[in-house]
Every structure is written in C-alpha cells, then in structure tokens.
Amino acid sequence: MRTRTQAKSSVAPPIEPMLAKIAEALPPPGDFLYEPKWDGFRAIVFREGGKVFIQSRDLRPLDRYFPDLHDALLERLPEGCVIDGEIVIATAAGLDFDALQMRLHPAASRVAMLAKQSKASFVAFDALALEWLEHFEGAGLGGVVAKPRSAPYQPGKRAMFKVKHVRTAECVVAGFRWYKTGPGIAVGSLLLGLYDDKGVLHHVGVTSSFTMAQRRKLAEELEPLRKNAMKDHPWRNWASAEDDSTRMPGSSSRWSAGKDLSWEALRAERVCEVKYDHLQGDRFRHAAIFLRWRPDKRPRDCRYDQLEVTAPCELARVFASSSS
C-alpha cells in the first residue's frame, strides 16, 4: 500500500473535462448527483510530486493567473489527487466574473496586484444540501449540473445534464451585425437594449439564434429601419469606441479574438422577446435566445424593471474558511 506521500495519480495533464448538455428541466428521479453551476472558470487541479498544475477547460495552464489559488491548493490538497471544479471570485455582491477575466493579463505584476485585491477560490464539484439552487442563485450560480451516480468520469463527453435558470425579457432592437459570410445578405445577431429609470437606452446583449433562412429574411425585414437610423440614435457615439471599458456594441474585448464587431444602427422602433439565463451586472451573461417579435409592445416600455432579479445571497458561509 502506498503511503500518502507516495501517492501517485494515474491521470496526467492535460485531460479534457467532462461536459454537460443543455436540458430544459431536471432529469426524472433516479440515481443522480447534483451540484451548482458556478459562474466562473472551469478548472482541473493536479496535485502531484509536490507541485500543483491548474488546467483550464481548453487544456491550457491557469497557474500563472492565480498565484493565490496555486499556493492554497498546494498546501491543502493531498498528494496524488486530481480535482475537477470551478475557479470563482466571491464578493459581498455575489460571484464576480469580470474580476476573473481581469486576471487573464500578460503582466505578472498586474496579476499579483489583482490577486491581493480580490482573492480567488476553487470550488470542487460535490453534492450540496437541498434547496441550494434557489438560495444561491443571487450569488451568481448559473443553474444545476446533474450526473449519473454510477457513471465514470468521461473526458470530453457530454455525459452530464446542465439546467440553467431561464427567464424572458422584452428588448428594443436597436442595431444588428452582419453574418460572418459578409454584409448585405444575412443578419448575424441583433443588438438588444433596455431603458433605465432616466430614459437612457443601454446595450444589454445580443441574440443570434437564427437559421440561415431566418438570417436572410431578417436582412430584408430590417432594411427599412436602417434609413436615417444613426441620426439621433442613442448609441451613435459608440461606433468609434476603441476599448472595452464601456462594453458597447462596437467595442472589442480580450475574448473577441480579432472578430469584426462593427454594427449597423436601426431606428429603435421594434421590440422582441428573448429568453435569458441571468445577468452579469446590467447585461445578459450569455447570448439571449430569440423567441418572437412583440409588435404589441412599445419600445419605451422595455425597461430594466421588468427583469426578475434575485438578491445576492450571503456567500460567507460557503467561503468562510478563506478565499481559497
């Protein structure tokens, strides 16, 4: 029998994480384990040979971006273990995904500073008490992941079920992007807006769930709304945005990977209903799903106050020991 100090894992990095497929509802009662769908960076931790290796979902090393987490894992995990989980940053307002994104910086000094300002935590996947889905939703959890209790870990396979919180919203369509094949033929995505209490229209995300036939039809259908659209358009100053600080339709980000984010303005006269899972700040966390046009709705009635908002719960009980 090996002692703890002699333990050696039979799983070497890199390894593809097991994935989940989208489901509209929880699976029927059966032999399942349940866990939160944390809103963070998926990671697999390897602890072996007195070292720790943190691997991202796409098989890349994450250690250099989370020096605080690296040291804590090295101290607390037993030799020879491999743990699948999620890297998160917990704040009083809930899980902060933006803070995680800021860690992906090329300068080590910048990463070290951010690690001191907002420490990261690693949540190993495990079963939690009943009713935690509703209780922790406001903290930034994205839903529930269920997996068969008797199934082995299956790298790269969608062998789990992922159930997200789903809601609907009525949004102003104030612009669009052309499909990747080129302008003038098919619409790639619609730019969505919501009004705040002061009557300012904010860009809240996009919807791009269309077939090619629908994309071509949208190009024709939206053409009349392009006439004189930029005149007095609430987003007319954003077309020349040069950084990602404003998170506007024409701005780039570290995740855009050189994609063309140019957009076409539309007169803000049409309303559509979309399905979304949850908000990140004042925007949809993921691309919304187009449901239908709402000609019965006035654009000025598409406001933030229609959204169902769950108040952030207290994360201190989960991360009480430390941010690690």
Protein backbone atom coordinates (compact mmCIF):
# COMPACT_ATOMS: atom_id res chain seq x y z
CA MET A 1 0.00 0.00 0.00
CA ARG A 2 1.28 3.44 -0.87
CA THR A 3 1.54 6.00 1.88
CA ARG A 4 0.07 9.43 1.38
CA THR A 5 3.44 10.89 0.47
CA GLN A 6 3.95 8.14 -2.08
CA ALA A 7 0.55 8.52 -3.73
CA LYS A 8 0.68 8.97 -7.45
CA SER A 9 -2.17 9.88 -9.75
CA SER A 10 -2.86 7.70 -12.77
CA VAL A 11 -4.31 10.73 -14.58
CA ALA A 12 -1.78 13.10 -16.09
CA PRO A 13 -2.49 16.53 -17.55
CA PRO A 14 -3.86 17.64 -19.85
CA ILE A 15 -7.24 15.96 -19.75
CA GLU A 16 -10.49 17.11 -21.35
CA PRO A 17 -13.14 17.94 -18.74
CA MET A 18 -16.44 16.09 -18.79
CA LEU A 19 -19.11 18.33 -20.26
CA ALA A 20 -22.85 18.78 -19.85
CA LYS A 21 -25.64 19.05 -22.41
CA ILE A 22 -28.40 21.61 -22.09
CA ALA A 23 -31.70 20.40 -20.63
CA GLU A 24 -34.94 22.31 -20.13
CA ALA A 25 -35.76 20.59 -16.84
CA LEU A 26 -34.20 18.39 -14.20
CA PRO A 27 -33.98 14.71 -15.16
CA PRO A 28 -36.61 12.37 -13.69
CA PRO A 29 -35.93 11.00 -10.20
CA GLY A 30 -33.12 8.49 -10.32
CA ASP A 31 -29.53 7.86 -9.43
CA PHE A 32 -28.17 11.38 -9.92
CA LEU A 33 -25.83 13.67 -8.06
CA TYR A 34 -26.46 17.43 -8.15
CA GLU A 35 -24.19 20.42 -7.90
CA PRO A 36 -24.39 24.16 -8.59
CA LYS A 37 -23.38 25.51 -11.96
CA TRP A 38 -20.91 28.06 -10.67
CA ASP A 39 -20.29 31.17 -12.78
CA GLY A 40 -16.52 31.03 -13.06
CA PHE A 41 -13.63 29.37 -14.88
CA ARG A 42 -13.81 25.59 -15.20
CA ALA A 43 -10.54 24.07 -13.99
CA ILE A 44 -8.96 20.72 -13.23
CA VAL A 45 -6.33 20.67 -10.48
CA PHE A 46 -3.49 18.14 -10.45
CA ARG A 47 -1.55 17.75 -7.16
CA GLU A 48 1.46 15.52 -7.55
CA GLY A 49 5.18 15.45 -6.86
CA GLY A 50 4.98 18.39 -4.50
CA LYS A 51 3.56 20.55 -7.28
CA VAL A 52 0.18 21.82 -8.44
CA PHE A 53 -0.95 22.22 -12.02
CA ILE A 54 -4.19 24.09 -12.78
CA GLN A 55 -5.64 23.32 -16.20
CA SER A 56 -8.35 25.28 -17.98
CA ARG A 57 -11.30 23.83 -19.87
CA ASP A 58 -9.41 24.26 -23.14
CA LEU A 59 -6.38 22.37 -21.76
CA ARG A 60 -4.25 25.45 -21.08
CA PRO A 61 -2.37 26.19 -17.83
CA LEU A 62 -4.01 28.70 -15.47
CA ASP A 63 -1.41 28.70 -12.66
CA ARG A 64 0.24 31.99 -13.56
CA TYR A 65 -3.06 33.85 -13.40
CA PHE A 66 -3.99 32.57 -9.94
CA PRO A 67 -0.86 32.57 -7.74
CA ASP A 68 -3.01 32.92 -4.60
CA LEU A 69 -5.03 29.85 -5.54
CA HIS A 70 -1.96 27.87 -6.54
CA ASP A 71 -0.36 28.24 -3.11
CA ALA A 72 -3.56 27.35 -1.26
CA LEU A 73 -4.12 24.23 -3.34
CA LEU A 74 -0.54 23.13 -2.83
CA GLU A 75 -0.95 23.47 0.92
CA ARG A 76 -4.36 21.86 1.37
CA LEU A 77 -4.71 19.13 -1.24
CA PRO A 78 -3.29 15.65 -0.63
CA GLU A 79 -0.55 14.31 -2.86
CA GLY A 80 -1.69 12.41 -5.94
CA CYS A 81 -5.18 13.87 -6.33
CA VAL A 82 -6.95 15.31 -9.40
CA ILE A 83 -9.95 17.52 -8.77
CA ASP A 84 -12.46 18.96 -11.22
CA GLY A 85 -14.07 22.21 -10.18
CA GLU A 86 -14.60 25.89 -10.81
CA ILE A 87 -12.49 28.94 -10.06
CA VAL A 88 -14.60 31.82 -8.75
CA ILE A 89 -14.13 35.17 -7.05
CA ALA A 90 -16.69 35.72 -4.30
CA THR A 91 -17.66 39.26 -3.23
CA ALA A 92 -20.35 40.71 -1.00
CA ALA A 93 -22.45 41.26 -4.13
CA GLY A 94 -22.05 37.69 -5.41
CA LEU A 95 -19.66 35.97 -7.79
CA ASP A 96 -17.63 38.44 -9.86
CA PHE A 97 -16.94 37.04 -13.34
CA ASP A 98 -15.46 40.34 -14.52
CA ALA A 99 -12.79 40.09 -11.81
CA LEU A 100 -11.89 36.65 -13.11
CA GLN A 101 -11.49 37.94 -16.64
CA MET A 102 -9.17 40.68 -15.44
CA ARG A 103 -6.79 38.00 -14.11
CA LEU A 104 -6.01 36.90 -17.69
CA HIS A 105 -3.35 39.56 -18.06
CA PRO A 106 0.12 39.14 -19.61
CA ALA A 107 1.90 41.15 -16.90
CA ALA A 108 2.79 39.10 -13.80
CA SER A 109 2.89 42.26 -11.66
CA ARG A 110 -0.69 43.10 -12.67
CA VAL A 111 -1.84 39.57 -11.86
CA ALA A 112 -0.13 39.70 -8.46
CA MET A 113 -1.82 43.01 -7.64
CA LEU A 114 -5.24 41.68 -8.61
CA ALA A 115 -4.64 38.52 -6.57
CA LYS A 116 -4.15 40.66 -3.48
CA GLN A 117 -7.19 42.82 -4.18
CA SER A 118 -9.66 40.00 -4.87
CA LYS A 119 -8.60 36.50 -3.92
CA ALA A 120 -9.83 33.57 -5.94
CA SER A 121 -11.49 30.40 -4.65
CA PHE A 122 -11.63 26.90 -6.06
CA VAL A 123 -14.92 25.01 -5.65
CA ALA A 124 -14.51 21.25 -6.06
CA PHE A 125 -17.64 19.61 -7.51
CA ASP A 126 -19.61 17.88 -4.77
CA ALA A 127 -23.21 17.28 -3.67
CA LEU A 128 -24.77 20.11 -1.62
CA ALA A 129 -27.85 20.34 0.63
CA LEU A 130 -31.34 20.52 -0.90
CA GLU A 131 -32.77 23.93 -1.92
CA TRP A 132 -29.38 25.46 -2.60
CA LEU A 133 -30.32 26.21 -6.22
CA GLU A 134 -32.87 28.85 -5.25
CA HIS A 135 -30.89 30.07 -2.25
CA PHE A 136 -27.63 30.68 -4.07
CA GLU A 137 -28.98 31.92 -7.39
CA GLY A 138 -28.50 35.55 -6.45
CA ALA A 139 -24.84 34.88 -5.73
CA GLY A 140 -24.21 34.21 -9.40
CA LEU A 141 -24.82 30.50 -9.77
CA GLY A 142 -25.87 29.62 -13.28
CA GLY A 143 -28.08 26.60 -12.62
CA VAL A 144 -27.73 22.91 -11.78
CA VAL A 145 -25.49 20.16 -13.13
CA ALA A 146 -26.71 16.58 -12.69
CA LYS A 147 -24.71 13.46 -13.44
CA PRO A 148 -25.39 9.73 -13.08
CA ARG A 149 -24.00 8.50 -9.77
CA SER A 150 -22.59 5.27 -11.19
CA ALA A 151 -21.09 6.70 -14.38
CA PRO A 152 -17.28 7.03 -14.67
CA TYR A 153 -15.58 10.31 -15.48
CA GLN A 154 -15.74 10.65 -19.27
CA PRO A 155 -13.25 13.19 -20.64
CA GLY A 156 -14.66 15.26 -23.49
CA LYS A 157 -18.08 13.60 -23.39
CA ARG A 158 -21.36 15.40 -22.69
CA ALA A 159 -22.45 12.89 -20.09
CA MET A 160 -23.98 15.33 -17.59
CA PHE A 161 -27.14 17.45 -17.64
CA LYS A 162 -26.97 21.22 -17.30
CA VAL A 163 -30.14 23.05 -16.30
CA LYS A 164 -29.97 26.85 -16.27
CA HIS A 165 -32.23 29.46 -14.79
CA VAL A 166 -34.41 30.70 -17.66
CA ARG A 167 -36.38 33.93 -17.90
CA THR A 168 -37.80 36.11 -20.65
CA ALA A 169 -37.46 39.82 -21.38
CA GLU A 170 -38.82 42.25 -23.94
CA CYS A 171 -36.00 44.24 -25.50
CA VAL A 172 -35.58 47.04 -28.00
CA VAL A 173 -33.77 46.01 -31.19
CA ALA A 174 -31.54 49.00 -31.87
CA GLY A 175 -28.92 47.51 -34.17
CA PHE A 176 -27.52 44.36 -35.72
CA ARG A 177 -24.34 42.74 -37.00
CA TRP A 178 -23.98 41.09 -40.38
CA TYR A 179 -23.43 37.35 -40.55
CA LYS A 180 -19.84 36.17 -40.94
CA THR A 181 -20.28 35.44 -44.65
CA GLY A 182 -20.37 39.16 -45.35
CA PRO A 183 -22.65 42.21 -45.29
CA GLY A 184 -25.85 42.71 -47.22
CA ILE A 185 -27.11 39.13 -47.26
CA ALA A 186 -27.78 37.72 -43.79
CA VAL A 187 -28.03 39.07 -40.24
CA GLY A 188 -25.66 37.55 -37.69
CA SER A 189 -27.09 38.94 -34.45
CA LEU A 190 -29.49 41.55 -33.13
CA LEU A 191 -28.29 44.13 -30.60
CA LEU A 192 -30.66 44.39 -27.65
CA GLY A 193 -31.41 47.38 -25.45
CA LEU A 194 -33.26 48.23 -22.24
CA TYR A 195 -34.17 51.65 -20.84
CA ASP A 196 -33.17 52.68 -17.33
CA ASP A 197 -35.14 54.93 -14.99
CA LYS A 198 -33.68 58.04 -16.65
CA GLY A 199 -34.78 57.01 -20.13
CA VAL A 200 -31.30 56.00 -21.32
CA LEU A 201 -31.18 53.01 -23.65
CA HIS A 202 -28.43 50.59 -22.59
CA HIS A 203 -26.94 47.82 -24.70
CA VAL A 204 -27.67 44.63 -22.75
CA GLY A 205 -26.54 41.88 -25.11
CA VAL A 206 -27.30 40.10 -28.35
CA THR A 207 -29.46 37.35 -29.75
CA SER A 208 -28.14 35.22 -32.58
CA SER A 209 -30.22 32.03 -32.51
CA PHE A 210 -31.37 32.04 -36.15
CA THR A 211 -31.35 29.63 -39.05
CA MET A 212 -29.81 30.78 -42.33
CA ALA A 213 -33.28 31.26 -43.80
CA GLN A 214 -34.23 33.47 -40.87
CA ARG A 215 -30.99 35.44 -41.17
CA ARG A 216 -31.72 36.26 -44.81
CA LYS A 217 -35.29 37.19 -44.01
CA LEU A 218 -34.13 39.50 -41.21
CA ALA A 219 -31.82 41.32 -43.62
CA GLU A 220 -34.83 42.21 -45.76
CA GLU A 221 -37.19 42.83 -42.86
CA LEU A 222 -34.86 45.24 -41.04
CA GLU A 223 -33.77 47.18 -44.12
CA PRO A 224 -36.43 49.93 -43.75
CA LEU A 225 -35.29 50.60 -40.18
CA ARG A 226 -31.76 51.43 -41.37
CA LYS A 227 -32.86 54.63 -43.09
CA ASN A 228 -31.66 57.67 -41.07
CA ALA A 229 -31.07 55.29 -38.16
CA MET A 230 -27.87 56.91 -36.90
CA LYS A 231 -29.46 60.33 -36.71
CA ASP A 232 -30.28 60.90 -33.01
CA HIS A 233 -29.53 57.24 -32.31
CA PRO A 234 -28.87 56.68 -28.57
CA TRP A 235 -25.74 54.65 -29.41
CA ARG A 236 -24.33 56.85 -32.16
CA ASN A 237 -21.22 57.74 -30.14
CA TRP A 238 -20.32 54.11 -29.54
CA ALA A 239 -19.48 53.20 -33.12
CA SER A 240 -15.98 54.64 -32.69
CA ALA A 241 -15.29 53.10 -29.28
CA GLU A 242 -11.66 52.00 -29.13
CA ASP A 243 -11.51 50.00 -25.90
CA ASP A 244 -13.60 47.58 -23.88
CA SER A 245 -14.14 49.85 -20.88
CA THR A 246 -17.62 50.85 -21.97
CA ARG A 247 -18.78 47.41 -23.20
CA MET A 248 -20.63 48.99 -26.09
CA PRO A 249 -21.73 47.35 -29.37
CA GLY A 250 -18.72 48.48 -31.36
CA SER A 251 -16.06 47.83 -28.74
CA SER A 252 -13.61 44.95 -28.63
CA SER A 253 -12.65 42.73 -25.74
CA ARG A 254 -9.98 40.19 -24.84
CA TRP A 255 -12.48 37.49 -25.85
CA SER A 256 -13.25 38.84 -29.32
CA ALA A 257 -10.07 37.32 -30.80
CA GLY A 258 -9.97 39.80 -33.65
CA LYS A 259 -13.58 39.29 -34.69
CA ASP A 260 -15.32 42.05 -36.62
CA LEU A 261 -17.57 43.72 -34.07
CA SER A 262 -18.79 46.51 -36.33
CA TRP A 263 -22.54 47.03 -36.22
CA GLU A 264 -25.37 48.64 -38.14
CA ALA A 265 -27.78 51.01 -36.45
CA LEU A 266 -31.55 50.55 -36.57
CA ARG A 267 -34.20 53.02 -35.56
CA ALA A 268 -35.21 51.85 -32.09
CA GLU A 269 -38.80 51.05 -33.07
CA ARG A 270 -39.09 47.27 -32.80
CA VAL A 271 -39.40 45.00 -29.77
CA CYS A 272 -38.58 41.33 -29.47
CA GLU A 273 -38.99 38.83 -26.67
CA VAL A 274 -35.91 36.81 -25.73
CA LYS A 275 -35.03 34.07 -23.28
CA TYR A 276 -32.03 34.57 -21.00
CA ASP A 277 -30.49 32.80 -18.02
CA HIS A 278 -29.13 35.57 -15.78
CA LEU A 279 -27.50 38.98 -15.70
CA GLN A 280 -23.87 39.91 -15.28
CA GLY A 281 -24.09 43.40 -13.90
CA ASP A 282 -26.53 45.20 -16.19
CA ARG A 283 -26.10 42.88 -19.19
CA PHE A 284 -27.15 39.37 -20.16
CA ARG A 285 -24.42 36.94 -19.12
CA HIS A 286 -24.79 34.89 -22.32
CA ALA A 287 -26.36 35.46 -25.71
CA ALA A 288 -30.14 35.55 -25.39
CA ILE A 289 -32.44 33.24 -27.35
CA PHE A 290 -34.85 34.94 -29.75
CA LEU A 291 -38.46 33.89 -29.12
CA ARG A 292 -40.71 36.22 -31.14
CA TRP A 293 -41.39 39.76 -32.24
CA ARG A 294 -43.68 41.80 -29.97
CA PRO A 295 -45.48 44.38 -32.15
CA ASP A 296 -47.90 44.92 -29.26
CA LYS A 297 -45.13 46.37 -27.07
CA ARG A 298 -43.83 49.92 -27.15
CA PRO A 299 -40.03 50.30 -27.16
CA ARG A 300 -40.10 52.79 -24.30
CA ASP A 301 -41.75 50.16 -22.10
CA CYS A 302 -38.74 47.85 -22.44
CA ARG A 303 -37.13 48.73 -19.12
CA TYR A 304 -34.84 47.11 -16.60
CA ASP A 305 -37.60 46.99 -14.02
CA GLN A 306 -39.33 44.19 -15.97
CA LEU A 307 -36.46 41.83 -15.17
CA GLU A 308 -36.70 39.29 -12.41
CA VAL A 309 -33.76 39.98 -10.12
CA THR A 310 -32.71 37.69 -7.30
CA ALA A 311 -30.96 39.49 -4.48
CA PRO A 312 -27.39 38.31 -3.84
CA CYS A 313 -27.23 35.82 -1.01
CA GLU A 314 -24.51 35.69 1.57
CA LEU A 315 -21.55 33.66 0.27
CA ALA A 316 -19.63 33.91 3.54
CA ARG A 317 -20.97 30.57 4.76
CA VAL A 318 -19.60 28.79 1.69
CA PHE A 319 -16.25 30.57 1.65
CA ALA A 320 -15.98 31.09 5.40
CA SER A 321 -12.62 29.39 5.90
CA SER A 322 -10.77 31.59 3.41
CA SER A 323 -10.83 32.68 -0.20
CA SER A 324 -9.12 29.53 -1.38
